[in-house]
């Protein structure tokens, strides 16, 4: 019963859109109507500046981490904590409070993996940075990182493979527009104007 409540709490916490809240408190328009129209830290940074982008990112970290830490402290273990994190990412991407229109979930995904498997943090962040530098497109970095996470899990922590696959699938689904842009050759390089942020 407590674990079921934690799962629901994870989704509800993830549904708190830091991007939308930060913009409202700052008197800025809804980020889903400006810039890339993505409710994520990258877009808030674009339309409101560095500090607002940072506060958004920090809020996304807290809403993802707190329910995960709670269930872990209740001695349900890493896998249970990971499933709560998966639900938080689903909430971030499809928030019930904001018409199910949220961010892309990459930052939240990295938060989940870093908390559950801290040794993965350097590998995951390193993969993202190296891919972004190599291909010049953050969407490619986000997609490749999402695919690599369960592969790392299968090799190093096979007992967590299924929830890591679920985590990856959520982020990949939210990047379907970026995948379409890449296939059509219209996905812009980092720093150029874009129709959708791959991170957020």
C-alpha atoms as a PDB file:
ATOM      1  CA  UNK A   1       0.000   0.000   0.000  1.00  0.00           C
ATOM      2  CA  UNK A   2       2.785   2.437   0.900  1.00  0.00           C
ATOM      3  CA  UNK A   3       4.704   1.593  -2.286  1.00  0.00           C
ATOM      4  CA  UNK A   4       1.567   2.150  -4.397  1.00  0.00           C
ATOM      5  CA  UNK A   5       1.111   5.514  -2.707  1.00  0.00           C
ATOM      6  CA  UNK A   6       4.770   6.310  -3.437  1.00  0.00           C
ATOM      7  CA  UNK A   7       4.294   5.481  -7.123  1.00  0.00           C
ATOM      8  CA  UNK A   8       1.320   7.834  -7.330  1.00  0.00           C
ATOM      9  CA  UNK A   9       3.211  10.492  -5.382  1.00  0.00           C
ATOM     10  CA  UNK A  10       6.106  10.177  -7.830  1.00  0.00           C
ATOM     11  CA  UNK A  11       3.827  10.946 -10.758  1.00  0.00           C
ATOM     12  CA  UNK A  12       2.069  13.814  -8.980  1.00  0.00           C
ATOM     13  CA  UNK A  13       5.393  15.337  -7.891  1.00  0.00           C
ATOM     14  CA  UNK A  14       6.780  14.992 -11.404  1.00  0.00           C
ATOM     15  CA  UNK A  15       3.683  16.760 -12.751  1.00  0.00           C
ATOM     16  CA  UNK A  16       4.695  19.957 -10.954  1.00  0.00           C
ATOM     17  CA  UNK A  17       6.094  21.891 -13.914  1.00  0.00           C
ATOM     18  CA  UNK A  18       8.964  23.992 -12.615  1.00  0.00           C
ATOM     19  CA  UNK A  19       9.223  25.739 -15.976  1.00  0.00           C
ATOM     20  CA  UNK A  20       5.622  26.940 -15.973  1.00  0.00           C
ATOM     21  CA  UNK A  21       5.672  27.907 -12.298  1.00  0.00           C
ATOM     22  CA  UNK A  22       8.950  29.830 -12.567  1.00  0.00           C
ATOM     23  CA  UNK A  23       7.659  31.711 -15.595  1.00  0.00           C
ATOM     24  CA  UNK A  24       4.389  32.590 -13.869  1.00  0.00           C
ATOM     25  CA  UNK A  25       6.159  33.830 -10.734  1.00  0.00           C
ATOM     26  CA  UNK A  26       8.510  35.894 -12.904  1.00  0.00           C
ATOM     27  CA  UNK A  27       5.738  37.441 -14.967  1.00  0.00           C
ATOM     28  CA  UNK A  28       6.843  35.648 -18.122  1.00  0.00           C
ATOM     29  CA  UNK A  29       4.509  33.977 -20.613  1.00  0.00           C
ATOM     30  CA  UNK A  30       3.814  30.258 -20.491  1.00  0.00           C
ATOM     31  CA  UNK A  31       6.988  28.613 -21.872  1.00  0.00           C
ATOM     32  CA  UNK A  32       4.775  26.355 -23.972  1.00  0.00           C
ATOM     33  CA  UNK A  33       3.842  29.413 -26.033  1.00  0.00           C
ATOM     34  CA  UNK A  34       7.305  30.966 -26.400  1.00  0.00           C
ATOM     35  CA  UNK A  35      10.673  29.992 -27.826  1.00  0.00           C
ATOM     36  CA  UNK A  36      10.768  26.288 -28.502  1.00  0.00           C
ATOM     37  CA  UNK A  37       7.353  25.890 -26.811  1.00  0.00           C
ATOM     38  CA  UNK A  38       8.867  23.298 -24.500  1.00  0.00           C
ATOM     39  CA  UNK A  39       8.223  23.395 -20.743  1.00  0.00           C
ATOM     40  CA  UNK A  40      11.823  22.794 -19.771  1.00  0.00           C
ATOM     41  CA  UNK A  41      14.843  24.522 -18.267  1.00  0.00           C
ATOM     42  CA  UNK A  42      16.465  25.134 -21.653  1.00  0.00           C
ATOM     43  CA  UNK A  43      13.489  27.096 -22.939  1.00  0.00           C
ATOM     44  CA  UNK A  44      13.104  29.048 -19.682  1.00  0.00           C
ATOM     45  CA  UNK A  45      16.774  29.992 -19.966  1.00  0.00           C
ATOM     46  CA  UNK A  46      16.110  31.147 -23.517  1.00  0.00           C
ATOM     47  CA  UNK A  47      13.154  33.361 -22.683  1.00  0.00           C
ATOM     48  CA  UNK A  48      14.014  34.416 -19.130  1.00  0.00           C
ATOM     49  CA  UNK A  49      17.758  34.209 -18.673  1.00  0.00           C
ATOM     50  CA  UNK A  50      20.340  32.101 -16.897  1.00  0.00           C
ATOM     51  CA  UNK A  51      19.041  32.321 -13.346  1.00  0.00           C
ATOM     52  CA  UNK A  52      15.477  31.427 -14.200  1.00  0.00           C
ATOM     53  CA  UNK A  53      16.786  28.492 -16.212  1.00  0.00           C
ATOM     54  CA  UNK A  54      18.820  27.409 -13.190  1.00  0.00           C
ATOM     55  CA  UNK A  55      15.842  27.679 -10.819  1.00  0.00           C
ATOM     56  CA  UNK A  56      13.788  25.604 -13.256  1.00  0.00           C
ATOM     57  CA  UNK A  57      16.472  22.945 -13.427  1.00  0.00           C
ATOM     58  CA  UNK A  58      16.803  22.895  -9.641  1.00  0.00           C
ATOM     59  CA  UNK A  59      13.039  22.552  -9.268  1.00  0.00           C
ATOM     60  CA  UNK A  60      13.029  19.640 -11.695  1.00  0.00           C
ATOM     61  CA  UNK A  61      15.781  17.993  -9.682  1.00  0.00           C
ATOM     62  CA  UNK A  62      13.897  18.384  -6.387  1.00  0.00           C
ATOM     63  CA  UNK A  63      10.555  17.112  -7.651  1.00  0.00           C
ATOM     64  CA  UNK A  64      12.256  14.035  -9.086  1.00  0.00           C
ATOM     65  CA  UNK A  65      14.628  13.342  -6.208  1.00  0.00           C
ATOM     66  CA  UNK A  66      12.392  13.847  -3.167  1.00  0.00           C
ATOM     67  CA  UNK A  67       9.857  11.042  -3.806  1.00  0.00           C
ATOM     68  CA  UNK A  68      12.711   8.721  -4.787  1.00  0.00           C
ATOM     69  CA  UNK A  69      14.648   9.419  -1.588  1.00  0.00           C
ATOM     70  CA  UNK A  70      11.468   8.988   0.453  1.00  0.00           C
ATOM     71  CA  UNK A  71      10.707   5.506  -0.849  1.00  0.00           C
ATOM     72  CA  UNK A  72      14.360   4.512  -0.492  1.00  0.00           C
ATOM     73  CA  UNK A  73      14.405   5.692   3.138  1.00  0.00           C
ATOM     74  CA  UNK A  74      11.357   3.481   3.732  1.00  0.00           C
ATOM     75  CA  UNK A  75      13.609   0.515   2.887  1.00  0.00           C
ATOM     76  CA  UNK A  76      11.933  -0.442  -0.384  1.00  0.00           C
ATOM     77  CA  UNK A  77      15.282  -0.645  -2.153  1.00  0.00           C
ATOM     78  CA  UNK A  78      16.840   0.716  -5.328  1.00  0.00           C
ATOM     79  CA  UNK A  79      14.433  -0.861  -7.790  1.00  0.00           C
ATOM     80  CA  UNK A  80      11.393   0.585  -6.034  1.00  0.00           C
ATOM     81  CA  UNK A  81      13.086   3.977  -5.883  1.00  0.00           C
ATOM     82  CA  UNK A  82      13.849   3.701  -9.602  1.00  0.00           C
ATOM     83  CA  UNK A  83      10.203   2.969 -10.449  1.00  0.00           C
ATOM     84  CA  UNK A  84       9.151   6.024  -8.460  1.00  0.00           C
ATOM     85  CA  UNK A  85      11.678   7.997 -10.499  1.00  0.00           C
ATOM     86  CA  UNK A  86      10.201   6.615 -13.721  1.00  0.00           C
ATOM     87  CA  UNK A  87       6.786   7.848 -12.617  1.00  0.00           C
ATOM     88  CA  UNK A  88       8.248  11.278 -11.791  1.00  0.00           C
ATOM     89  CA  UNK A  89       9.676  11.500 -15.318  1.00  0.00           C
ATOM     90  CA  UNK A  90       6.309  10.479 -16.772  1.00  0.00           C
ATOM     91  CA  UNK A  91       4.746  13.249 -14.698  1.00  0.00           C
ATOM     92  CA  UNK A  92       7.321  15.726 -15.970  1.00  0.00           C
ATOM     93  CA  UNK A  93       6.615  14.777 -19.582  1.00  0.00           C
ATOM     94  CA  UNK A  94       2.842  14.427 -19.205  1.00  0.00           C
ATOM     95  CA  UNK A  95       1.819  16.587 -16.206  1.00  0.00           C
ATOM     96  CA  UNK A  96      -1.736  16.106 -15.011  1.00  0.00           C
ATOM     97  CA  UNK A  97      -1.852  19.700 -13.703  1.00  0.00           C
ATOM     98  CA  UNK A  98      -0.953  21.248 -17.061  1.00  0.00           C
ATOM     99  CA  UNK A  99      -3.029  19.431 -19.689  1.00  0.00           C
ATOM    100  CA  UNK A 100      -0.389  16.683 -20.000  1.00  0.00           C
ATOM    101  CA  UNK A 101       1.935  19.053 -21.897  1.00  0.00           C
ATOM    102  CA  UNK A 102       5.324  18.975 -20.208  1.00  0.00           C
ATOM    103  CA  UNK A 103       9.027  18.847 -20.960  1.00  0.00           C
ATOM    104  CA  UNK A 104      11.261  16.307 -22.667  1.00  0.00           C
ATOM    105  CA  UNK A 105      12.486  14.657 -19.464  1.00  0.00           C
ATOM    106  CA  UNK A 106      16.228  14.395 -20.119  1.00  0.00           C
ATOM    107  CA  UNK A 107      17.349  16.303 -17.014  1.00  0.00           C
ATOM    108  CA  UNK A 108      14.873  14.349 -14.875  1.00  0.00           C
ATOM    109  CA  UNK A 109      16.073  11.091 -16.413  1.00  0.00           C
ATOM    110  CA  UNK A 110      19.679  11.928 -15.529  1.00  0.00           C
ATOM    111  CA  UNK A 111      18.575  12.789 -11.986  1.00  0.00           C
ATOM    112  CA  UNK A 112      16.908   9.396 -11.618  1.00  0.00           C
ATOM    113  CA  UNK A 113      19.900   7.445 -12.901  1.00  0.00           C
ATOM    114  CA  UNK A 114      22.404   9.460 -10.857  1.00  0.00           C
ATOM    115  CA  UNK A 115      20.463   8.887  -7.637  1.00  0.00           C
ATOM    116  CA  UNK A 116      19.880   5.169  -8.109  1.00  0.00           C
ATOM    117  CA  UNK A 117      23.247   4.288  -9.675  1.00  0.00           C
ATOM    118  CA  UNK A 118      25.612   7.080  -8.750  1.00  0.00           C
ATOM    119  CA  UNK A 119      28.526   5.469 -10.610  1.00  0.00           C
ATOM    120  CA  UNK A 120      26.519   5.958 -13.836  1.00  0.00           C
ATOM    121  CA  UNK A 121      26.461   9.728 -13.480  1.00  0.00           C
ATOM    122  CA  UNK A 122      29.844  10.355 -15.076  1.00  0.00           C
ATOM    123  CA  UNK A 123      29.147   7.851 -17.865  1.00  0.00           C
ATOM    124  CA  UNK A 124      25.755   9.360 -18.667  1.00  0.00           C
ATOM    125  CA  UNK A 125      26.809  13.004 -18.546  1.00  0.00           C
ATOM    126  CA  UNK A 126      30.002  12.170 -20.419  1.00  0.00           C
ATOM    127  CA  UNK A 127      28.032  10.388 -23.140  1.00  0.00           C
ATOM    128  CA  UNK A 128      25.710  13.364 -23.554  1.00  0.00           C
ATOM    129  CA  UNK A 129      28.538  15.909 -23.721  1.00  0.00           C
ATOM    130  CA  UNK A 130      30.685  13.846 -26.087  1.00  0.00           C
ATOM    131  CA  UNK A 131      27.779  13.145 -28.447  1.00  0.00           C
ATOM    132  CA  UNK A 132      26.613  16.771 -28.407  1.00  0.00           C
ATOM    133  CA  UNK A 133      30.146  17.938 -29.219  1.00  0.00           C
ATOM    134  CA  UNK A 134      30.604  15.327 -31.961  1.00  0.00           C
ATOM    135  CA  UNK A 135      27.289  15.779 -33.775  1.00  0.00           C
ATOM    136  CA  UNK A 136      26.505  19.378 -32.812  1.00  0.00           C
ATOM    137  CA  UNK A 137      22.905  18.471 -31.963  1.00  0.00           C
ATOM    138  CA  UNK A 138      21.661  18.131 -28.409  1.00  0.00           C
ATOM    139  CA  UNK A 139      18.751  16.008 -29.631  1.00  0.00           C
ATOM    140  CA  UNK A 140      21.185  13.367 -30.888  1.00  0.00           C
ATOM    141  CA  UNK A 141      22.968  13.464 -27.525  1.00  0.00           C
ATOM    142  CA  UNK A 142      19.681  13.071 -25.649  1.00  0.00           C
ATOM    143  CA  UNK A 143      18.481  10.213 -27.844  1.00  0.00           C
ATOM    144  CA  UNK A 144      21.764   8.320 -27.673  1.00  0.00           C
ATOM    145  CA  UNK A 145      21.990   8.799 -23.910  1.00  0.00           C
ATOM    146  CA  UNK A 146      18.449   7.465 -23.516  1.00  0.00           C
ATOM    147  CA  UNK A 147      19.366   4.361 -25.496  1.00  0.00           C
ATOM    148  CA  UNK A 148      22.656   3.791 -23.687  1.00  0.00           C
ATOM    149  CA  UNK A 149      21.180   3.980 -20.174  1.00  0.00           C
ATOM    150  CA  UNK A 150      19.424   0.571 -20.275  1.00  0.00           C
ATOM    151  CA  UNK A 151      22.448  -0.932 -22.057  1.00  0.00           C
ATOM    152  CA  UNK A 152      24.690   0.232 -19.228  1.00  0.00           C
ATOM    153  CA  UNK A 153      22.117  -1.122 -16.798  1.00  0.00           C
ATOM    154  CA  UNK A 154      22.016  -4.532 -18.471  1.00  0.00           C
ATOM    155  CA  UNK A 155      25.789  -4.805 -18.205  1.00  0.00           C
ATOM    156  CA  UNK A 156      26.378  -3.344 -14.732  1.00  0.00           C
ATOM    157  CA  UNK A 157      23.028  -3.654 -12.882  1.00  0.00           C
ATOM    158  CA  UNK A 158      20.903  -6.278 -14.697  1.00  0.00           C
ATOM    159  CA  UNK A 159      18.320  -6.353 -11.906  1.00  0.00           C
ATOM    160  CA  UNK A 160      17.409  -2.764 -12.845  1.00  0.00           C
ATOM    161  CA  UNK A 161      17.210  -3.381 -16.594  1.00  0.00           C
ATOM    162  CA  UNK A 162      13.391  -3.343 -16.900  1.00  0.00           C
ATOM    163  CA  UNK A 163      12.756  -0.024 -15.083  1.00  0.00           C
ATOM    164  CA  UNK A 164      15.712   1.538 -16.923  1.00  0.00           C
ATOM    165  CA  UNK A 165      14.116   0.466 -20.218  1.00  0.00           C
ATOM    166  CA  UNK A 166      10.847   2.056 -19.114  1.00  0.00           C
ATOM    167  CA  UNK A 167      12.699   5.252 -18.200  1.00  0.00           C
ATOM    168  CA  UNK A 168      14.402   5.339 -21.576  1.00  0.00           C
ATOM    169  CA  UNK A 169      11.153   4.651 -23.441  1.00  0.00           C
ATOM    170  CA  UNK A 170       9.380   7.638 -21.851  1.00  0.00           C
ATOM    171  CA  UNK A 171      12.117  10.049 -22.924  1.00  0.00           C
ATOM    172  CA  UNK A 172      12.349   8.562 -26.423  1.00  0.00           C
ATOM    173  CA  UNK A 173       8.585   8.946 -26.892  1.00  0.00           C
ATOM    174  CA  UNK A 174       8.823  12.627 -25.917  1.00  0.00           C
ATOM    175  CA  UNK A 175      11.541  13.093 -28.540  1.00  0.00           C
ATOM    176  CA  UNK A 176       9.488  11.785 -31.455  1.00  0.00           C
ATOM    177  CA  UNK A 177       9.344  15.260 -33.043  1.00  0.00           C
ATOM    178  CA  UNK A 178      13.134  15.513 -32.828  1.00  0.00           C
ATOM    179  CA  UNK A 179      13.461  12.073 -34.416  1.00  0.00           C
ATOM    180  CA  UNK A 180      11.204  13.210 -37.270  1.00  0.00           C
ATOM    181  CA  UNK A 181      13.304  16.357 -37.721  1.00  0.00           C
ATOM    182  CA  UNK A 182      16.515  14.327 -37.792  1.00  0.00           C
ATOM    183  CA  UNK A 183      15.107  11.968 -40.420  1.00  0.00           C
ATOM    184  CA  UNK A 184      13.992  14.897 -42.568  1.00  0.00           C
ATOM    185  CA  UNK A 185      17.277  16.757 -42.093  1.00  0.00           C
ATOM    186  CA  UNK A 186      15.635  19.775 -40.443  1.00  0.00           C
ATOM    187  CA  UNK A 187      16.927  19.353 -36.886  1.00  0.00           C
ATOM    188  CA  UNK A 188      19.080  22.448 -36.170  1.00  0.00           C
ATOM    189  CA  UNK A 189      22.526  22.560 -34.655  1.00  0.00           C
ATOM    190  CA  UNK A 190      23.160  23.577 -31.052  1.00  0.00           C
ATOM    191  CA  UNK A 191      22.769  27.313 -30.637  1.00  0.00           C
ATOM    192  CA  UNK A 192      20.487  27.717 -33.636  1.00  0.00           C
ATOM    193  CA  UNK A 193      16.772  28.469 -33.433  1.00  0.00           C
ATOM    194  CA  UNK A 194      14.800  25.299 -33.106  1.00  0.00           C
ATOM    195  CA  UNK A 195      11.201  24.152 -33.065  1.00  0.00           C
ATOM    196  CA  UNK A 196      11.621  21.980 -30.004  1.00  0.00           C
ATOM    197  CA  UNK A 197      14.159  21.561 -27.221  1.00  0.00           C
ATOM    198  CA  UNK A 198      15.436  18.015 -26.749  1.00  0.00           C
ATOM    199  CA  UNK A 199      16.326  18.750 -23.136  1.00  0.00           C
ATOM    200  CA  UNK A 200      13.898  19.871 -20.466  1.00  0.00           C
END
